[in-house]
Amino acid sequence: RDLAVAAVARLDDPVVPEALRRELAPVAESVLGRIR
């Protein structure tokens, strides 16, 4: 759970490329939805 939160926090990091962020956003959403 903490790992998922950390991963999502990393997605907000400006270092993460826009394309990668778009690719991972749905995955992060589903993971967050599962742990809520």
PDB file of N, CA and C in Angstrom:
ATOM      1  N   ARG A   1       0.841  -1.194   0.000  1.00  0.00           N
ATOM      2  CA  ARG A   1       0.000   0.000   0.000  1.00  0.00           C
ATOM      3  C   ARG A   1       0.882   1.252   0.000  1.00  0.00           C
ATOM      4  N   ASP A   2       1.854   1.297   0.895  1.00  0.00           N
ATOM      5  CA  ASP A   2       2.762   2.451   0.917  1.00  0.00           C
ATOM      6  C   ASP A   2       3.531   2.553  -0.396  1.00  0.00           C
ATOM      7  N   LEU A   3       3.840   1.379  -0.951  1.00  0.00           N
ATOM      8  CA  LEU A   3       4.570   1.354  -2.220  1.00  0.00           C
ATOM      9  C   LEU A   3       3.736   1.988  -3.327  1.00  0.00           C
ATOM     10  N   ALA A   4       2.446   1.679  -3.334  1.00  0.00           N
ATOM     11  CA  ALA A   4       1.555   2.240  -4.354  1.00  0.00           C
ATOM     12  C   ALA A   4       1.466   3.756  -4.202  1.00  0.00           C
ATOM     13  N   VAL A   5       1.349   4.208  -2.967  1.00  0.00           N
ATOM     14  CA  VAL A   5       1.270   5.650  -2.708  1.00  0.00           C
ATOM     15  C   VAL A   5       2.559   6.328  -3.144  1.00  0.00           C
ATOM     16  N   ALA A   6       3.686   5.693  -2.844  1.00  0.00           N
ATOM     17  CA  ALA A   6       4.982   6.249  -3.237  1.00  0.00           C
ATOM     18  C   ALA A   6       5.103   6.303  -4.757  1.00  0.00           C
ATOM     19  N   ALA A   7       4.608   5.254  -5.415  1.00  0.00           N
ATOM     20  CA  ALA A   7       4.675   5.208  -6.878  1.00  0.00           C
ATOM     21  C   ALA A   7       3.851   6.337  -7.487  1.00  0.00           C
ATOM     22  N   VAL A   8       2.674   6.573  -6.934  1.00  0.00           N
ATOM     23  CA  VAL A   8       1.815   7.653  -7.432  1.00  0.00           C
ATOM     24  C   VAL A   8       2.472   9.004  -7.170  1.00  0.00           C
ATOM     25  N   ALA A   9       3.103   9.136  -6.012  1.00  0.00           N
ATOM     26  CA  ALA A   9       3.799  10.379  -5.692  1.00  0.00           C
ATOM     27  C   ALA A   9       4.927  10.608  -6.694  1.00  0.00           C
ATOM     28  N   ARG A  10       5.590   9.532  -7.091  1.00  0.00           N
ATOM     29  CA  ARG A  10       6.664   9.639  -8.071  1.00  0.00           C
ATOM     30  C   ARG A  10       6.122  10.094  -9.425  1.00  0.00           C
ATOM     31  N   LEU A  11       4.878   9.732  -9.718  1.00  0.00           N
ATOM     32  CA  LEU A  11       4.279  10.130 -10.998  1.00  0.00           C
ATOM     33  C   LEU A  11       4.151  11.646 -11.083  1.00  0.00           C
ATOM     34  N   ASP A  12       4.050  12.300  -9.938  1.00  0.00           N
ATOM     35  CA  ASP A  12       3.935  13.756  -9.927  1.00  0.00           C
ATOM     36  C   ASP A  12       5.298  14.419 -10.072  1.00  0.00           C
ATOM     37  N   ASP A  13       6.372  13.602  -9.992  1.00  0.00           N
ATOM     38  CA  ASP A  13       7.727  14.132 -10.125  1.00  0.00           C
ATOM     39  C   ASP A  13       7.920  14.653 -11.544  1.00  0.00           C
ATOM     40  N   PRO A  14       8.378  15.893 -11.700  1.00  0.00           N
ATOM     41  CA  PRO A  14       8.566  16.466 -13.039  1.00  0.00           C
ATOM     42  C   PRO A  14       9.592  15.699 -13.872  1.00  0.00           C
ATOM     43  N   VAL A  15      10.404  14.872 -13.213  1.00  0.00           N
ATOM     44  CA  VAL A  15      11.429  14.110 -13.931  1.00  0.00           C
ATOM     45  C   VAL A  15      10.791  13.019 -14.788  1.00  0.00           C
ATOM     46  N   VAL A  16       9.609  12.561 -14.362  1.00  0.00           N
ATOM     47  CA  VAL A  16       8.931  11.491 -15.104  1.00  0.00           C
ATOM     48  C   VAL A  16       8.434  12.033 -16.445  1.00  0.00           C
ATOM     49  N   PRO A  17       8.817  11.374 -17.535  1.00  0.00           N
ATOM     50  CA  PRO A  17       8.374  11.833 -18.863  1.00  0.00           C
ATOM     51  C   PRO A  17       6.854  11.790 -18.995  1.00  0.00           C
ATOM     52  N   GLU A  18       6.321  12.704 -19.777  1.00  0.00           N
ATOM     53  CA  GLU A  18       4.870  12.811 -19.951  1.00  0.00           C
ATOM     54  C   GLU A  18       4.274  11.527 -20.510  1.00  0.00           C
ATOM     55  N   ALA A  19       4.950  10.920 -21.477  1.00  0.00           N
ATOM     56  CA  ALA A  19       4.433   9.694 -22.096  1.00  0.00           C
ATOM     57  C   ALA A  19       4.345   8.574 -21.072  1.00  0.00           C
ATOM     58  N   LEU A  20       5.387   8.464 -20.261  1.00  0.00           N
ATOM     59  CA  LEU A  20       5.406   7.406 -19.251  1.00  0.00           C
ATOM     60  C   LEU A  20       4.297   7.636 -18.236  1.00  0.00           C
ATOM     61  N   ARG A  21       4.095   8.904 -17.884  1.00  0.00           N
ATOM     62  CA  ARG A  21       3.045   9.239 -16.917  1.00  0.00           C
ATOM     63  C   ARG A  21       1.678   8.856 -17.468  1.00  0.00           C
ATOM     64  N   ARG A  22       1.436   9.183 -18.743  1.00  0.00           N
ATOM     65  CA  ARG A  22       0.151   8.830 -19.366  1.00  0.00           C
ATOM     66  C   ARG A  22      -0.032   7.324 -19.380  1.00  0.00           C
ATOM     67  N   GLU A  23       1.062   6.598 -19.592  1.00  0.00           N
ATOM     68  CA  GLU A  23       0.993   5.145 -19.664  1.00  0.00           C
ATOM     69  C   GLU A  23       0.683   4.544 -18.299  1.00  0.00           C
ATOM     70  N   LEU A  24       1.275   5.110 -17.257  1.00  0.00           N
ATOM     71  CA  LEU A  24       1.142   4.533 -15.920  1.00  0.00           C
ATOM     72  C   LEU A  24      -0.068   5.040 -15.149  1.00  0.00           C
ATOM     73  N   ALA A  25      -0.631   6.148 -15.574  1.00  0.00           N
ATOM     74  CA  ALA A  25      -1.755   6.726 -14.839  1.00  0.00           C
ATOM     75  C   ALA A  25      -2.908   5.739 -14.636  1.00  0.00           C
ATOM     76  N   PRO A  26      -3.371   5.037 -15.684  1.00  0.00           N
ATOM     77  CA  PRO A  26      -4.481   4.087 -15.492  1.00  0.00           C
ATOM     78  C   PRO A  26      -4.115   2.977 -14.518  1.00  0.00           C
ATOM     79  N   VAL A  27      -2.867   2.534 -14.572  1.00  0.00           N
ATOM     80  CA  VAL A  27      -2.413   1.473 -13.666  1.00  0.00           C
ATOM     81  C   VAL A  27      -2.452   1.982 -12.232  1.00  0.00           C
ATOM     82  N   ALA A  28      -1.948   3.187 -12.029  1.00  0.00           N
ATOM     83  CA  ALA A  28      -1.940   3.780 -10.688  1.00  0.00           C
ATOM     84  C   ALA A  28      -3.368   3.945 -10.179  1.00  0.00           C
ATOM     85  N   GLU A  29      -4.259   4.365 -11.066  1.00  0.00           N
ATOM     86  CA  GLU A  29      -5.657   4.549 -10.673  1.00  0.00           C
ATOM     87  C   GLU A  29      -6.278   3.234 -10.212  1.00  0.00           C
ATOM     88  N   SER A  30      -6.034   2.165 -10.966  1.00  0.00           N
ATOM     89  CA  SER A  30      -6.626   0.872 -10.612  1.00  0.00           C
ATOM     90  C   SER A  30      -6.049   0.354  -9.307  1.00  0.00           C
ATOM     91  N   VAL A  31      -4.751   0.566  -9.104  1.00  0.00           N
ATOM     92  CA  VAL A  31      -4.111   0.123  -7.858  1.00  0.00           C
ATOM     93  C   VAL A  31      -4.693   0.902  -6.684  1.00  0.00           C
ATOM     94  N   LEU A  32      -4.822   2.214  -6.851  1.00  0.00           N
ATOM     95  CA  LEU A  32      -5.388   3.037  -5.776  1.00  0.00           C
ATOM     96  C   LEU A  32      -6.823   2.628  -5.494  1.00  0.00           C
ATOM     97  N   GLY A  33      -7.573   2.359  -6.543  1.00  0.00           N
ATOM     98  CA  GLY A  33      -8.959   1.942  -6.367  1.00  0.00           C
ATOM     99  C   GLY A  33      -9.057   0.635  -5.595  1.00  0.00           C
ATOM    100  N   ARG A  34      -8.058  -0.222  -5.780  1.00  0.00           N
ATOM    101  CA  ARG A  34      -8.082  -1.528  -5.131  1.00  0.00           C
ATOM    102  C   ARG A  34      -7.742  -1.429  -3.647  1.00  0.00           C
ATOM    103  N   ILE A  35      -6.847  -0.487  -3.282  1.00  0.00           N
ATOM    104  CA  ILE A  35      -6.421  -0.411  -1.874  1.00  0.00           C
ATOM    105  C   ILE A  35      -7.345   0.476  -1.053  1.00  0.00           C
ATOM    106  N   ARG A  36      -8.213   1.250  -1.711  1.00  0.00           N
ATOM    107  CA  ARG A  36      -9.113   2.127  -0.956  1.00  0.00           C
ATOM    108  C   ARG A  36     -10.173   1.316  -0.238  1.00  0.00           C
TER     109      ARG A  36
END
